[in-house]
Amino acid sequence: MMEYLADLHIHTVLSPCGDLLMTPQNIIHAAEEKEIDILAITDHNSAGNLEVALELAEDSDVNIIPGIEIETKEEIHLIALFPSLEEVLSFQKMIYSHLPSIDNDEELFGPQLITDNEDQFVGRLEQLLLVSIDLSLERAISEARSREGIIFPAHVGKKEYSILSNLGFIPDEINFSVLELSKNSSKAELYDKFPTIKSYPLIKSSDAHYISDISPHIKFDLKAPILSEINLAFKGKKGRKVTFNN
């Protein structure tokens, strides 16, 4: 078993709210400087920069987990992580079929940029990503799990776009393996406000939109830096562990 530091919620320049310095190569360099072993790239409703990020990470010590941050029709944000590029692109295709046909307003939301393996901007998505898809919470979860994905609520302590702010509870039948606490939220305050969630393991991620946000908030004990091992750690099985790092 080895110890791995991780951050499982990172936005690139493809997310309109992401800083222009959030290119895949800059993100990987920042992770190396902060001794982060595992990064999940999780742009809003898209995986458009993941293939390049995975290629660039091959020349580094950073392991990229393919992911997407989904916004369901209830305006709940979920992090979906996948074992490979193939599964995340299949999930992206499904999401795109449920995105409303709204053009991005770059002056209002920011550009949605695609990069190449030299970290240059080579294109942009015109359809707005920062919007709810036409899928329910339950359907989005089912679609992710059918592609061997792990899916969990994002930033549950936030006042907007979280499952607790929008529903006020977590449906038992969904059976999440973990909940994500936002970096500025307090576990004690969350438990005080929502005591029924104490049965769920919590992780903390950066939800990074700027290079300086990236941080090794999570510490794993795993046999390998791969999604199946992370899933075991979330469930506390076979000696795998996940804990807050800071």
Foldseek 3Di string as FASTA:
>chain_A
DDKFFEFEAAEALQAQLFDPCRFLVLLQVLCVVQRHAEYEYAHQLDQQAVVLSCVLCVPDNHHYWYWYFAQAPLLATKIKTAQDPVLNVVLSVVQVVQADADFDDCVVRNWRFYAHNVRHTDDTDGGHRPDHGHHHPVRSLVSRVVSVIAMETEQQVDCGNTCCNRVVDDDPVSDHLEYEHEPPDDPVVVCVSPVVCPVAHYFYHQNDSYSVSHHRQKMKDFPDRGDVRVSCQSNVPPPIHMDTPD
